[in-house]
Amino acid sequence: MGQTFCADLSWTTATAALVATFTISKVLKFVSALKAVDYLPGLWVPFQPLGLPGVILPETSWNPGTLNLLLEDYSTIA
């Protein structure tokens, strides 16, 4: 009856579990935010264009870039 459970938990397994938990929580938060605005259409990007990844990574369909952000602002004013 006095058995103890000893799991061999490596750093890579623990790190992978933490990253998976963090990613799942962010996805659930994103879906919750979409529900809050009733799934309005718009530009959804994984990071902000003026943030460090948005500035460093090249412009793609996932990263509209900083110039696109500025042009969008000016098109709504004119």
PDB file of N, CA and C in Angstrom:
ATOM      1  N   MET A   1       0.806  -1.197   0.000  1.00  0.00           N
ATOM      2  CA  MET A   1       0.000   0.000   0.000  1.00  0.00           C
ATOM      3  C   MET A   1       0.848   1.260   0.000  1.00  0.00           C
ATOM      4  N   GLY A   2       2.078   1.174   0.354  1.00  0.00           N
ATOM      5  CA  GLY A   2       2.937   2.348   0.460  1.00  0.00           C
ATOM      6  C   GLY A   2       3.681   2.647  -0.832  1.00  0.00           C
ATOM      7  N   GLN A   3       3.039   2.420  -1.982  1.00  0.00           N
ATOM      8  CA  GLN A   3       3.704   2.679  -3.252  1.00  0.00           C
ATOM      9  C   GLN A   3       3.742   4.173  -3.534  1.00  0.00           C
ATOM     10  N   THR A   4       4.846   4.596  -4.100  1.00  0.00           N
ATOM     11  CA  THR A   4       4.958   5.990  -4.530  1.00  0.00           C
ATOM     12  C   THR A   4       5.125   6.012  -6.034  1.00  0.00           C
ATOM     13  N   PHE A   5       4.610   7.047  -6.638  1.00  0.00           N
ATOM     14  CA  PHE A   5       4.691   7.194  -8.086  1.00  0.00           C
ATOM     15  C   PHE A   5       5.862   8.097  -8.412  1.00  0.00           C
ATOM     16  N   CYS A   6       6.819   7.579  -9.130  1.00  0.00           N
ATOM     17  CA  CYS A   6       7.993   8.356  -9.511  1.00  0.00           C
ATOM     18  C   CYS A   6       8.051   8.414 -11.030  1.00  0.00           C
ATOM     19  N   ALA A   7       7.839   9.587 -11.579  1.00  0.00           N
ATOM     20  CA  ALA A   7       7.872   9.755 -13.024  1.00  0.00           C
ATOM     21  C   ALA A   7       9.205  10.364 -13.427  1.00  0.00           C
ATOM     22  N   ASP A   8       9.783   9.813 -14.452  1.00  0.00           N
ATOM     23  CA  ASP A   8      11.018  10.381 -14.986  1.00  0.00           C
ATOM     24  C   ASP A   8      10.632  11.492 -15.959  1.00  0.00           C
ATOM     25  N   LEU A   9      10.699  12.705 -15.476  1.00  0.00           N
ATOM     26  CA  LEU A   9      10.280  13.857 -16.262  1.00  0.00           C
ATOM     27  C   LEU A   9      11.516  14.636 -16.683  1.00  0.00           C
ATOM     28  N   SER A  10      11.764  14.685 -17.984  1.00  0.00           N
ATOM     29  CA  SER A  10      12.934  15.413 -18.468  1.00  0.00           C
ATOM     30  C   SER A  10      12.573  16.875 -18.702  1.00  0.00           C
ATOM     31  N   TRP A  11      13.587  17.689 -18.879  1.00  0.00           N
ATOM     32  CA  TRP A  11      13.367  19.116 -19.134  1.00  0.00           C
ATOM     33  C   TRP A  11      12.664  19.331 -20.458  1.00  0.00           C
ATOM     34  N   THR A  12      12.974  18.525 -21.451  1.00  0.00           N
ATOM     35  CA  THR A  12      12.342  18.700 -22.756  1.00  0.00           C
ATOM     36  C   THR A  12      10.850  18.364 -22.699  1.00  0.00           C
ATOM     37  N   THR A  13      10.511  17.330 -21.947  1.00  0.00           N
ATOM     38  CA  THR A  13       9.100  16.960 -21.801  1.00  0.00           C
ATOM     39  C   THR A  13       8.338  18.034 -21.036  1.00  0.00           C
ATOM     40  N   ALA A  14       8.933  18.545 -19.986  1.00  0.00           N
ATOM     41  CA  ALA A  14       8.285  19.588 -19.192  1.00  0.00           C
ATOM     42  C   ALA A  14       8.125  20.862 -20.008  1.00  0.00           C
ATOM     43  N   THR A  15       9.141  21.227 -20.763  1.00  0.00           N
ATOM     44  CA  THR A  15       9.074  22.428 -21.604  1.00  0.00           C
ATOM     45  C   THR A  15       8.025  22.262 -22.691  1.00  0.00           C
ATOM     46  N   ALA A  16       7.985  21.099 -23.315  1.00  0.00           N
ATOM     47  CA  ALA A  16       6.988  20.847 -24.360  1.00  0.00           C
ATOM     48  C   ALA A  16       5.577  20.907 -23.793  1.00  0.00           C
ATOM     49  N   ALA A  17       5.384  20.404 -22.592  1.00  0.00           N
ATOM     50  CA  ALA A  17       4.066  20.457 -21.957  1.00  0.00           C
ATOM     51  C   ALA A  17       3.663  21.891 -21.646  1.00  0.00           C
ATOM     52  N   LEU A  18       4.600  22.695 -21.181  1.00  0.00           N
ATOM     53  CA  LEU A  18       4.309  24.106 -20.899  1.00  0.00           C
ATOM     54  C   LEU A  18       4.000  24.883 -22.183  1.00  0.00           C
ATOM     55  N   VAL A  19       4.758  24.647 -23.239  1.00  0.00           N
ATOM     56  CA  VAL A  19       4.513  25.323 -24.515  1.00  0.00           C
ATOM     57  C   VAL A  19       3.159  24.909 -25.083  1.00  0.00           C
ATOM     58  N   ALA A  20       2.828  23.643 -24.992  1.00  0.00           N
ATOM     59  CA  ALA A  20       1.534  23.167 -25.487  1.00  0.00           C
ATOM     60  C   ALA A  20       0.387  23.785 -24.687  1.00  0.00           C
ATOM     61  N   THR A  21       0.537  23.858 -23.377  1.00  0.00           N
ATOM     62  CA  THR A  21      -0.495  24.465 -22.530  1.00  0.00           C
ATOM     63  C   THR A  21      -0.657  25.938 -22.855  1.00  0.00           C
ATOM     64  N   PHE A  22       0.443  26.649 -23.030  1.00  0.00           N
ATOM     65  CA  PHE A  22       0.397  28.072 -23.370  1.00  0.00           C
ATOM     66  C   PHE A  22      -0.276  28.285 -24.728  1.00  0.00           C
ATOM     67  N   THR A  23       0.077  27.463 -25.717  1.00  0.00           N
ATOM     68  CA  THR A  23      -0.493  27.594 -27.055  1.00  0.00           C
ATOM     69  C   THR A  23      -1.992  27.321 -27.041  1.00  0.00           C
ATOM     70  N   ILE A  24      -2.404  26.283 -26.354  1.00  0.00           N
ATOM     71  CA  ILE A  24      -3.834  25.952 -26.274  1.00  0.00           C
ATOM     72  C   ILE A  24      -4.603  27.070 -25.582  1.00  0.00           C
ATOM     73  N   SER A  25      -4.030  27.650 -24.538  1.00  0.00           N
ATOM     74  CA  SER A  25      -4.724  28.742 -23.850  1.00  0.00           C
ATOM     75  C   SER A  25      -4.856  29.962 -24.748  1.00  0.00           C
ATOM     76  N   LYS A  26      -3.838  30.258 -25.554  1.00  0.00           N
ATOM     77  CA  LYS A  26      -3.916  31.398 -26.470  1.00  0.00           C
ATOM     78  C   LYS A  26      -4.942  31.159 -27.579  1.00  0.00           C
ATOM     79  N   VAL A  27      -5.028  29.943 -28.086  1.00  0.00           N
ATOM     80  CA  VAL A  27      -6.022  29.619 -29.118  1.00  0.00           C
ATOM     81  C   VAL A  27      -7.432  29.755 -28.543  1.00  0.00           C
ATOM     82  N   LEU A  28      -7.637  29.259 -27.343  1.00  0.00           N
ATOM     83  CA  LEU A  28      -8.956  29.382 -26.716  1.00  0.00           C
ATOM     84  C   LEU A  28      -9.311  30.841 -26.437  1.00  0.00           C
ATOM     85  N   LYS A  29      -8.339  31.637 -26.049  1.00  0.00           N
ATOM     86  CA  LYS A  29      -8.573  33.069 -25.830  1.00  0.00           C
ATOM     87  C   LYS A  29      -8.930  33.757 -27.145  1.00  0.00           C
ATOM     88  N   PHE A  30      -8.265  33.388 -28.232  1.00  0.00           N
ATOM     89  CA  PHE A  30      -8.546  33.964 -29.550  1.00  0.00           C
ATOM     90  C   PHE A  30      -9.963  33.618 -30.002  1.00  0.00           C
ATOM     91  N   VAL A  31     -10.365  32.357 -29.846  1.00  0.00           N
ATOM     92  CA  VAL A  31     -11.717  31.932 -30.226  1.00  0.00           C
ATOM     93  C   VAL A  31     -12.750  32.648 -29.362  1.00  0.00           C
ATOM     94  N   SER A  32     -12.449  32.829 -28.092  1.00  0.00           N
ATOM     95  CA  SER A  32     -13.350  33.559 -27.202  1.00  0.00           C
ATOM     96  C   SER A  32     -13.502  35.010 -27.649  1.00  0.00           C
ATOM     97  N   ALA A  33     -12.408  35.627 -28.076  1.00  0.00           N
ATOM     98  CA  ALA A  33     -12.465  37.009 -28.553  1.00  0.00           C
ATOM     99  C   ALA A  33     -13.270  37.097 -29.856  1.00  0.00           C
ATOM    100  N   LEU A  34     -13.139  36.110 -30.723  1.00  0.00           N
ATOM    101  CA  LEU A  34     -13.937  36.097 -31.958  1.00  0.00           C
ATOM    102  C   LEU A  34     -15.421  35.984 -31.650  1.00  0.00           C
ATOM    103  N   LYS A  35     -15.766  35.164 -30.675  1.00  0.00           N
ATOM    104  CA  LYS A  35     -17.170  35.026 -30.283  1.00  0.00           C
ATOM    105  C   LYS A  35     -17.699  36.334 -29.703  1.00  0.00           C
ATOM    106  N   ALA A  36     -16.855  37.065 -28.990  1.00  0.00           N
ATOM    107  CA  ALA A  36     -17.279  38.315 -28.350  1.00  0.00           C
ATOM    108  C   ALA A  36     -17.679  39.368 -29.374  1.00  0.00           C
ATOM    109  N   VAL A  37     -17.068  39.353 -30.560  1.00  0.00           N
ATOM    110  CA  VAL A  37     -17.410  40.323 -31.608  1.00  0.00           C
ATOM    111  C   VAL A  37     -18.270  39.683 -32.693  1.00  0.00           C
ATOM    112  N   ASP A  38     -18.841  38.540 -32.384  1.00  0.00           N
ATOM    113  CA  ASP A  38     -19.745  37.830 -33.288  1.00  0.00           C
ATOM    114  C   ASP A  38     -19.095  37.535 -34.645  1.00  0.00           C
ATOM    115  N   TYR A  39     -17.836  37.143 -34.596  1.00  0.00           N
ATOM    116  CA  TYR A  39     -17.084  36.714 -35.787  1.00  0.00           C
ATOM    117  C   TYR A  39     -17.077  37.773 -36.892  1.00  0.00           C
ATOM    118  N   LEU A  40     -16.850  39.036 -36.534  1.00  0.00           N
ATOM    119  CA  LEU A  40     -16.772  40.103 -37.533  1.00  0.00           C
ATOM    120  C   LEU A  40     -15.602  39.847 -38.482  1.00  0.00           C
ATOM    121  N   PRO A  41     -15.786  40.151 -39.764  1.00  0.00           N
ATOM    122  CA  PRO A  41     -14.673  39.959 -40.692  1.00  0.00           C
ATOM    123  C   PRO A  41     -13.603  41.030 -40.473  1.00  0.00           C
ATOM    124  N   GLY A  42     -12.401  40.707 -40.824  1.00  0.00           N
ATOM    125  CA  GLY A  42     -11.319  41.665 -40.692  1.00  0.00           C
ATOM    126  C   GLY A  42      -9.978  40.990 -40.874  1.00  0.00           C
ATOM    127  N   LEU A  43      -8.942  41.770 -40.734  1.00  0.00           N
ATOM    128  CA  LEU A  43      -7.582  41.276 -40.876  1.00  0.00           C
ATOM    129  C   LEU A  43      -7.132  40.691 -39.549  1.00  0.00           C
ATOM    130  N   TRP A  44      -6.844  39.394 -39.522  1.00  0.00           N
ATOM    131  CA  TRP A  44      -6.384  38.723 -38.313  1.00  0.00           C
ATOM    132  C   TRP A  44      -4.953  38.267 -38.539  1.00  0.00           C
ATOM    133  N   VAL A  45      -4.049  38.798 -37.764  1.00  0.00           N
ATOM    134  CA  VAL A  45      -2.637  38.446 -37.892  1.00  0.00           C
ATOM    135  C   VAL A  45      -2.155  37.856 -36.571  1.00  0.00           C
ATOM    136  N   PRO A  46      -1.155  36.968 -36.605  1.00  0.00           N
ATOM    137  CA  PRO A  46      -0.707  36.324 -35.370  1.00  0.00           C
ATOM    138  C   PRO A  46       0.068  37.242 -34.425  1.00  0.00           C
ATOM    139  N   PHE A  47       0.572  38.374 -34.924  1.00  0.00           N
ATOM    140  CA  PHE A  47       1.270  39.329 -34.062  1.00  0.00           C
ATOM    141  C   PHE A  47       1.065  40.724 -34.626  1.00  0.00           C
ATOM    142  N   GLN A  48       1.314  41.735 -33.822  1.00  0.00           N
ATOM    143  CA  GLN A  48       1.076  43.110 -34.235  1.00  0.00           C
ATOM    144  C   GLN A  48       2.114  43.548 -35.261  1.00  0.00           C
ATOM    145  N   PRO A  49       1.693  44.307 -36.280  1.00  0.00           N
ATOM    146  CA  PRO A  49       2.642  44.750 -37.297  1.00  0.00           C
ATOM    147  C   PRO A  49       3.760  45.641 -36.748  1.00  0.00           C
ATOM    148  N   LEU A  50       3.492  46.375 -35.682  1.00  0.00           N
ATOM    149  CA  LEU A  50       4.526  47.241 -35.115  1.00  0.00           C
ATOM    150  C   LEU A  50       5.300  46.566 -33.990  1.00  0.00           C
ATOM    151  N   GLY A  51       4.992  45.304 -33.695  1.00  0.00           N
ATOM    152  CA  GLY A  51       5.745  44.550 -32.705  1.00  0.00           C
ATOM    153  C   GLY A  51       7.049  44.049 -33.300  1.00  0.00           C
ATOM    154  N   LEU A  52       7.918  43.504 -32.472  1.00  0.00           N
ATOM    155  CA  LEU A  52       9.225  43.035 -32.928  1.00  0.00           C
ATOM    156  C   LEU A  52       9.127  41.969 -34.022  1.00  0.00           C
ATOM    157  N   PRO A  53       8.271  40.921 -33.892  1.00  0.00           N
ATOM    158  CA  PRO A  53       8.181  39.945 -34.987  1.00  0.00           C
ATOM    159  C   PRO A  53       7.621  40.567 -36.269  1.00  0.00           C
ATOM    160  N   GLY A  54       6.696  41.506 -36.148  1.00  0.00           N
ATOM    161  CA  GLY A  54       6.112  42.152 -37.320  1.00  0.00           C
ATOM    162  C   GLY A  54       7.102  42.999 -38.078  1.00  0.00           C
ATOM    163  N   VAL A  55       8.065  43.564 -37.375  1.00  0.00           N
ATOM    164  CA  VAL A  55       9.074  44.396 -38.011  1.00  0.00           C
ATOM    165  C   VAL A  55      10.180  43.542 -38.615  1.00  0.00           C
ATOM    166  N   ILE A  56      10.560  42.465 -37.924  1.00  0.00           N
ATOM    167  CA  ILE A  56      11.686  41.638 -38.364  1.00  0.00           C
ATOM    168  C   ILE A  56      11.305  40.724 -39.531  1.00  0.00           C
ATOM    169  N   LEU A  57      10.130  40.082 -39.450  1.00  0.00           N
ATOM    170  CA  LEU A  57       9.747  39.113 -40.480  1.00  0.00           C
ATOM    171  C   LEU A  57       9.323  39.820 -41.762  1.00  0.00           C
ATOM    172  N   PRO A  58       9.546  39.182 -42.922  1.00  0.00           N
ATOM    173  CA  PRO A  58       9.161  39.819 -44.192  1.00  0.00           C
ATOM    174  C   PRO A  58       7.643  39.872 -44.350  1.00  0.00           C
ATOM    175  N   GLU A  59       7.201  40.742 -45.255  1.00  0.00           N
ATOM    176  CA  GLU A  59       5.766  40.888 -45.494  1.00  0.00           C
ATOM    177  C   GLU A  59       5.231  39.662 -46.233  1.00  0.00           C
ATOM    178  N   THR A  60       4.192  39.043 -45.648  1.00  0.00           N
ATOM    179  CA  THR A  60       3.524  37.891 -46.242  1.00  0.00           C
ATOM    180  C   THR A  60       2.037  38.050 -45.999  1.00  0.00           C
ATOM    181  N   SER A  61       1.261  37.025 -46.321  1.00  0.00           N
ATOM    182  CA  SER A  61      -0.171  37.093 -46.050  1.00  0.00           C
ATOM    183  C   SER A  61      -0.438  37.076 -44.544  1.00  0.00           C
ATOM    184  N   TRP A  62       0.495  36.540 -43.759  1.00  0.00           N
ATOM    185  CA  TRP A  62       0.342  36.511 -42.297  1.00  0.00           C
ATOM    186  C   TRP A  62       0.877  37.777 -41.647  1.00  0.00           C
ATOM    187  N   ASN A  63       1.746  38.494 -42.348  1.00  0.00           N
ATOM    188  CA  ASN A  63       2.350  39.705 -41.809  1.00  0.00           C
ATOM    189  C   ASN A  63       2.180  40.816 -42.840  1.00  0.00           C
ATOM    190  N   PRO A  64       1.176  41.684 -42.671  1.00  0.00           N
ATOM    191  CA  PRO A  64       0.947  42.723 -43.672  1.00  0.00           C
ATOM    192  C   PRO A  64       2.030  43.793 -43.680  1.00  0.00           C
ATOM    193  N   GLY A  65       2.815  43.898 -42.650  1.00  0.00           N
ATOM    194  CA  GLY A  65       3.903  44.863 -42.599  1.00  0.00           C
ATOM    195  C   GLY A  65       3.439  46.219 -42.091  1.00  0.00           C
ATOM    196  N   THR A  66       4.421  47.065 -41.803  1.00  0.00           N
ATOM    197  CA  THR A  66       4.110  48.373 -41.236  1.00  0.00           C
ATOM    198  C   THR A  66       3.567  49.329 -42.288  1.00  0.00           C
ATOM    199  N   LEU A  67       4.017  49.233 -43.521  1.00  0.00           N
ATOM    200  CA  LEU A  67       3.541  50.147 -44.562  1.00  0.00           C
ATOM    201  C   LEU A  67       2.054  49.926 -44.835  1.00  0.00           C
ATOM    202  N   ASN A  68       1.613  48.675 -44.855  1.00  0.00           N
ATOM    203  CA  ASN A  68       0.197  48.370 -45.058  1.00  0.00           C
ATOM    204  C   ASN A  68      -0.644  48.971 -43.946  1.00  0.00           C
ATOM    205  N   LEU A  69      -0.147  48.943 -42.731  1.00  0.00           N
ATOM    206  CA  LEU A  69      -0.856  49.517 -41.594  1.00  0.00           C
ATOM    207  C   LEU A  69      -1.039  51.018 -41.785  1.00  0.00           C
ATOM    208  N   LEU A  70       0.012  51.694 -42.235  1.00  0.00           N
ATOM    209  CA  LEU A  70      -0.070  53.138 -42.460  1.00  0.00           C
ATOM    210  C   LEU A  70      -0.995  53.464 -43.627  1.00  0.00           C
ATOM    211  N   LEU A  71      -0.927  52.705 -44.707  1.00  0.00           N
ATOM    212  CA  LEU A  71      -1.788  52.957 -45.864  1.00  0.00           C
ATOM    213  C   LEU A  71      -3.252  52.733 -45.522  1.00  0.00           C
ATOM    214  N   GLU A  72      -3.535  51.739 -44.680  1.00  0.00           N
ATOM    215  CA  GLU A  72      -4.918  51.504 -44.252  1.00  0.00           C
ATOM    216  C   GLU A  72      -5.453  52.683 -43.467  1.00  0.00           C
ATOM    217  N   ASP A  73      -4.615  53.263 -42.598  1.00  0.00           N
ATOM    218  CA  ASP A  73      -5.052  54.418 -41.803  1.00  0.00           C
ATOM    219  C   ASP A  73      -5.334  55.616 -42.700  1.00  0.00           C
ATOM    220  N   TYR A  74      -4.509  55.860 -43.688  1.00  0.00           N
ATOM    221  CA  TYR A  74      -4.712  57.002 -44.573  1.00  0.00           C
ATOM    222  C   TYR A  74      -5.901  56.806 -45.507  1.00  0.00           C
ATOM    223  N   SER A  75      -6.190  55.560 -45.871  1.00  0.00           N
ATOM    224  CA  SER A  75      -7.335  55.315 -46.757  1.00  0.00           C
ATOM    225  C   SER A  75      -8.660  55.545 -46.036  1.00  0.00           C
ATOM    226  N   THR A  76      -8.686  55.378 -44.731  1.00  0.00           N
ATOM    227  CA  THR A  76      -9.929  55.644 -44.005  1.00  0.00           C
ATOM    228  C   THR A  76     -10.127  57.138 -43.779  1.00  0.00           C
ATOM    229  N   ILE A  77      -9.059  57.898 -43.769  1.00  0.00           N
ATOM    230  CA  ILE A  77      -9.169  59.347 -43.567  1.00  0.00           C
ATOM    231  C   ILE A  77      -9.612  60.034 -44.846  1.00  0.00           C
ATOM    232  N   ALA A  78      -9.042  59.634 -45.981  1.00  0.00           N
ATOM    233  CA  ALA A  78      -9.323  60.307 -47.253  1.00  0.00           C
ATOM    234  C   ALA A  78     -10.699  59.994 -47.786  1.00  0.00           C
TER     235      ALA A  78
END
